PDB file of N, CA and C in Angstrom:
ATOM      1  N   MET A   1       3.823 114.939  39.759  1.00  0.00           N
ATOM      2  CA  MET A   1       4.636 116.012  39.220  1.00  0.00           C
ATOM      3  C   MET A   1       5.989 115.989  39.920  1.00  0.00           C
ATOM      4  N   ALA A   2       7.038 116.164  39.167  1.00  0.00           N
ATOM      5  CA  ALA A   2       8.384 116.132  39.727  1.00  0.00           C
ATOM      6  C   ALA A   2       8.601 117.297  40.685  1.00  0.00           C
ATOM      7  N   THR A   3       9.412 117.069  41.683  1.00  0.00           N
ATOM      8  CA  THR A   3       9.651 118.082  42.710  1.00  0.00           C
ATOM      9  C   THR A   3      10.271 119.348  42.125  1.00  0.00           C
ATOM     10  N   ALA A   4      11.214 119.196  41.216  1.00  0.00           N
ATOM     11  CA  ALA A   4      11.878 120.365  40.627  1.00  0.00           C
ATOM     12  C   ALA A   4      10.888 121.208  39.826  1.00  0.00           C
ATOM     13  N   VAL A   5      10.011 120.546  39.093  1.00  0.00           N
ATOM     14  CA  VAL A   5       9.008 121.256  38.301  1.00  0.00           C
ATOM     15  C   VAL A   5       8.037 121.988  39.222  1.00  0.00           C
ATOM     16  N   ARG A   6       7.602 121.320  40.273  1.00  0.00           N
ATOM     17  CA  ARG A   6       6.669 121.931  41.219  1.00  0.00           C
ATOM     18  C   ARG A   6       7.307 123.128  41.916  1.00  0.00           C
ATOM     19  N   ASP A   7       8.562 122.980  42.344  1.00  0.00           N
ATOM     20  CA  ASP A   7       9.259 124.087  43.000  1.00  0.00           C
ATOM     21  C   ASP A   7       9.399 125.281  42.064  1.00  0.00           C
ATOM     22  N   ASN A   8       9.666 125.002  40.795  1.00  0.00           N
ATOM     23  CA  ASN A   8       9.779 126.084  39.820  1.00  0.00           C
ATOM     24  C   ASN A   8       8.433 126.780  39.633  1.00  0.00           C
ATOM     25  N   LEU A   9       7.352 126.015  39.531  1.00  0.00           N
ATOM     26  CA  LEU A   9       6.021 126.604  39.383  1.00  0.00           C
ATOM     27  C   LEU A   9       5.666 127.479  40.586  1.00  0.00           C
ATOM     28  N   ILE A  10       5.971 127.001  41.778  1.00  0.00           N
ATOM     29  CA  ILE A  10       5.698 127.772  42.988  1.00  0.00           C
ATOM     30  C   ILE A  10       6.475 129.082  42.966  1.00  0.00           C
ATOM     31  N   ARG A  11       7.761 128.997  42.587  1.00  0.00           N
ATOM     32  CA  ARG A  11       8.600 130.196  42.547  1.00  0.00           C
ATOM     33  C   ARG A  11       8.081 131.202  41.525  1.00  0.00           C
ATOM     34  N   VAL A  12       7.698 130.718  40.342  1.00  0.00           N
ATOM     35  CA  VAL A  12       7.207 131.592  39.283  1.00  0.00           C
ATOM     36  C   VAL A  12       5.907 132.262  39.705  1.00  0.00           C
ATOM     37  N   LYS A  13       5.003 131.515  40.312  1.00  0.00           N
ATOM     38  CA  LYS A  13       3.733 132.088  40.735  1.00  0.00           C
ATOM     39  C   LYS A  13       3.927 133.118  41.854  1.00  0.00           C
ATOM     40  N   GLN A  14       4.868 132.877  42.748  1.00  0.00           N
ATOM     41  CA  GLN A  14       5.160 133.857  43.785  1.00  0.00           C
ATOM     42  C   GLN A  14       5.764 135.126  43.189  1.00  0.00           C
ATOM     43  N   GLU A  15       6.612 134.972  42.180  1.00  0.00           N
ATOM     44  CA  GLU A  15       7.198 136.141  41.526  1.00  0.00           C
ATOM     45  C   GLU A  15       6.141 136.933  40.763  1.00  0.00           C
ATOM     46  N   LEU A  16       5.200 136.243  40.125  1.00  0.00           N
ATOM     47  CA  LEU A  16       4.112 136.936  39.449  1.00  0.00           C
ATOM     48  C   LEU A  16       3.239 137.691  40.444  1.00  0.00           C
ATOM     49  N   ALA A  17       2.977 137.089  41.589  1.00  0.00           N
ATOM     50  CA  ALA A  17       2.197 137.767  42.618  1.00  0.00           C
ATOM     51  C   ALA A  17       2.922 139.025  43.092  1.00  0.00           C
ATOM     52  N   ALA A  18       4.230 138.931  43.290  1.00  0.00           N
ATOM     53  CA  ALA A  18       5.013 140.095  43.707  1.00  0.00           C
ATOM     54  C   ALA A  18       4.989 141.175  42.628  1.00  0.00           C
ATOM     55  N   LYS A  19       5.045 140.775  41.364  1.00  0.00           N
ATOM     56  CA  LYS A  19       4.993 141.732  40.255  1.00  0.00           C
ATOM     57  C   LYS A  19       3.697 142.526  40.295  1.00  0.00           C
ATOM     58  N   TYR A  20       2.568 141.816  40.448  1.00  0.00           N
ATOM     59  CA  TYR A  20       1.287 142.498  40.447  1.00  0.00           C
ATOM     60  C   TYR A  20       1.090 143.350  41.702  1.00  0.00           C
ATOM     61  N   GLU A  21       1.677 142.953  42.804  1.00  0.00           N
ATOM     62  CA  GLU A  21       1.616 143.798  44.002  1.00  0.00           C
ATOM     63  C   GLU A  21       2.410 145.079  43.802  1.00  0.00           C
ATOM     64  N   ARG A  22       3.568 144.976  43.139  1.00  0.00           N
ATOM     65  CA  ARG A  22       4.345 146.186  42.825  1.00  0.00           C
ATOM     66  C   ARG A  22       3.556 147.106  41.904  1.00  0.00           C
ATOM     67  N   LEU A  23       2.949 146.529  40.864  1.00  0.00           N
ATOM     68  CA  LEU A  23       2.162 147.330  39.929  1.00  0.00           C
ATOM     69  C   LEU A  23       0.979 147.991  40.633  1.00  0.00           C
ATOM     70  N   MET A  24       0.369 147.265  41.561  1.00  0.00           N
ATOM     71  CA  MET A  24      -0.760 147.809  42.309  1.00  0.00           C
ATOM     72  C   MET A  24      -0.351 149.065  43.082  1.00  0.00           C
ATOM     73  N   ASN A  25       0.878 149.065  43.590  1.00  0.00           N
ATOM     74  CA  ASN A  25       1.330 150.195  44.393  1.00  0.00           C
ATOM     75  C   ASN A  25       1.757 151.402  43.573  1.00  0.00           C
ATOM     76  N   ILE A  26       2.067 151.211  42.299  1.00  0.00           N
ATOM     77  CA  ILE A  26       2.548 152.351  41.526  1.00  0.00           C
ATOM     78  C   ILE A  26       1.524 152.939  40.559  1.00  0.00           C
ATOM     79  N   THR A  27       0.442 152.218  40.287  1.00  0.00           N
ATOM     80  CA  THR A  27      -0.539 152.740  39.337  1.00  0.00           C
ATOM     81  C   THR A  27      -1.475 153.741  40.021  1.00  0.00           C
ATOM     82  N   PRO A  28      -1.820 154.811  39.328  1.00  0.00           N
ATOM     83  CA  PRO A  28      -2.749 155.778  39.918  1.00  0.00           C
ATOM     84  C   PRO A  28      -4.224 155.399  39.733  1.00  0.00           C
ATOM     85  N   SER A  29      -4.501 154.460  38.854  1.00  0.00           N
ATOM     86  CA  SER A  29      -5.871 154.095  38.518  1.00  0.00           C
ATOM     87  C   SER A  29      -6.472 153.159  39.566  1.00  0.00           C
ATOM     88  N   THR A  30      -7.614 153.548  40.104  1.00  0.00           N
ATOM     89  CA  THR A  30      -8.287 152.725  41.113  1.00  0.00           C
ATOM     90  C   THR A  30      -8.774 151.388  40.538  1.00  0.00           C
ATOM     91  N   PRO A  31      -9.421 151.370  39.363  1.00  0.00           N
ATOM     92  CA  PRO A  31      -9.837 150.075  38.813  1.00  0.00           C
ATOM     93  C   PRO A  31      -8.653 149.153  38.531  1.00  0.00           C
ATOM     94  N   ARG A  32      -7.553 149.733  38.057  1.00  0.00           N
ATOM     95  CA  ARG A  32      -6.371 148.930  37.759  1.00  0.00           C
ATOM     96  C   ARG A  32      -5.771 148.378  39.046  1.00  0.00           C
ATOM     97  N   LYS A  33      -5.807 149.154  40.134  1.00  0.00           N
ATOM     98  CA  LYS A  33      -5.314 148.672  41.432  1.00  0.00           C
ATOM     99  C   LYS A  33      -6.081 147.419  41.857  1.00  0.00           C
ATOM    100  N   LYS A  34      -7.399 147.484  41.696  1.00  0.00           N
ATOM    101  CA  LYS A  34      -8.233 146.345  42.072  1.00  0.00           C
ATOM    102  C   LYS A  34      -7.904 145.121  41.230  1.00  0.00           C
ATOM    103  N   THR A  35      -7.720 145.328  39.925  1.00  0.00           N
ATOM    104  CA  THR A  35      -7.370 144.227  39.028  1.00  0.00           C
ATOM    105  C   THR A  35      -6.061 143.584  39.454  1.00  0.00           C
ATOM    106  N   TYR A  36      -5.050 144.411  39.738  1.00  0.00           N
ATOM    107  CA  TYR A  36      -3.749 143.878  40.136  1.00  0.00           C
ATOM    108  C   TYR A  36      -3.825 143.157  41.480  1.00  0.00           C
ATOM    109  N   LYS A  37      -4.642 143.670  42.384  1.00  0.00           N
ATOM    110  CA  LYS A  37      -4.804 143.030  43.691  1.00  0.00           C
ATOM    111  C   LYS A  37      -5.406 141.634  43.527  1.00  0.00           C
ATOM    112  N   ILE A  38      -6.413 141.523  42.671  1.00  0.00           N
ATOM    113  CA  ILE A  38      -7.068 140.240  42.426  1.00  0.00           C
ATOM    114  C   ILE A  38      -6.095 139.253  41.780  1.00  0.00           C
ATOM    115  N   ARG A  39      -5.315 139.739  40.792  1.00  0.00           N
ATOM    116  CA  ARG A  39      -4.353 138.862  40.122  1.00  0.00           C
ATOM    117  C   ARG A  39      -3.285 138.375  41.103  1.00  0.00           C
ATOM    118  N   ALA A  40      -2.788 139.274  41.948  1.00  0.00           N
ATOM    119  CA  ALA A  40      -1.767 138.892  42.927  1.00  0.00           C
ATOM    120  C   ALA A  40      -2.325 137.831  43.874  1.00  0.00           C
ATOM    121  N   ALA A  41      -3.557 138.030  44.327  1.00  0.00           N
ATOM    122  CA  ALA A  41      -4.172 137.067  45.239  1.00  0.00           C
ATOM    123  C   ALA A  41      -4.350 135.710  44.553  1.00  0.00           C
ATOM    124  N   ARG A  42      -4.709 135.720  43.285  1.00  0.00           N
ATOM    125  CA  ARG A  42      -4.900 134.467  42.545  1.00  0.00           C
ATOM    126  C   ARG A  42      -3.588 133.686  42.466  1.00  0.00           C
ATOM    127  N   TYR A  43      -2.502 134.382  42.130  1.00  0.00           N
ATOM    128  CA  TYR A  43      -1.212 133.692  42.037  1.00  0.00           C
ATOM    129  C   TYR A  43      -0.736 133.210  43.399  1.00  0.00           C
ATOM    130  N   ARG A  44      -1.001 133.964  44.457  1.00  0.00           N
ATOM    131  CA  ARG A  44      -0.635 133.511  45.808  1.00  0.00           C
ATOM    132  C   ARG A  44      -1.389 132.241  46.173  1.00  0.00           C
ATOM    133  N   ARG A  45      -2.689 132.203  45.871  1.00  0.00           N
ATOM    134  CA  ARG A  45      -3.496 131.009  46.156  1.00  0.00           C
ATOM    135  C   ARG A  45      -2.984 129.805  45.368  1.00  0.00           C
ATOM    136  N   GLN A  46      -2.644 130.016  44.096  1.00  0.00           N
ATOM    137  CA  GLN A  46      -2.145 128.915  43.282  1.00  0.00           C
ATOM    138  C   GLN A  46      -0.827 128.378  43.835  1.00  0.00           C
ATOM    139  N   ALA A  47       0.057 129.268  44.280  1.00  0.00           N
ATOM    140  CA  ALA A  47       1.339 128.839  44.843  1.00  0.00           C
ATOM    141  C   ALA A  47       1.113 128.066  46.129  1.00  0.00           C
ATOM    142  N   GLU A  48       0.193 128.543  46.972  1.00  0.00           N
ATOM    143  CA  GLU A  48      -0.117 127.836  48.214  1.00  0.00           C
ATOM    144  C   GLU A  48      -0.696 126.453  47.931  1.00  0.00           C
ATOM    145  N   GLN A  49      -1.551 126.365  46.932  1.00  0.00           N
ATOM    146  CA  GLN A  49      -2.166 125.083  46.574  1.00  0.00           C
ATOM    147  C   GLN A  49      -1.085 124.094  46.099  1.00  0.00           C
ATOM    148  N   LEU A  50      -0.162 124.564  45.292  1.00  0.00           N
ATOM    149  CA  LEU A  50       0.911 123.694  44.819  1.00  0.00           C
ATOM    150  C   LEU A  50       1.812 123.254  45.974  1.00  0.00           C
ATOM    151  N   ALA A  51       2.031 124.131  46.928  1.00  0.00           N
ATOM    152  CA  ALA A  51       2.880 123.801  48.069  1.00  0.00           C
ATOM    153  C   ALA A  51       2.201 122.748  48.957  1.00  0.00           C
ATOM    154  N   ARG A  52       0.875 122.774  49.029  1.00  0.00           N
ATOM    155  CA  ARG A  52       0.137 121.835  49.865  1.00  0.00           C
ATOM    156  C   ARG A  52       0.110 120.426  49.275  1.00  0.00           C
ATOM    157  N   ASP A  53       0.010 120.321  47.977  1.00  0.00           N
ATOM    158  CA  ASP A  53      -0.121 118.999  47.331  1.00  0.00           C
ATOM    159  C   ASP A  53       1.120 118.162  47.430  1.00  0.00           C
TER     160      ASP A  53
END
């Protein structure tokens, strides 16, 4: 995979993780908080995996 493409994917996944963390902090719903936390963690893991390869 080209470096520019990989860097873009990492950046996008980090931004998605930040988005879901923001949503987690503003929603009043407990189940929704958990969902957003899981999604944020998933995108963080994917970004870390891409950075390692």
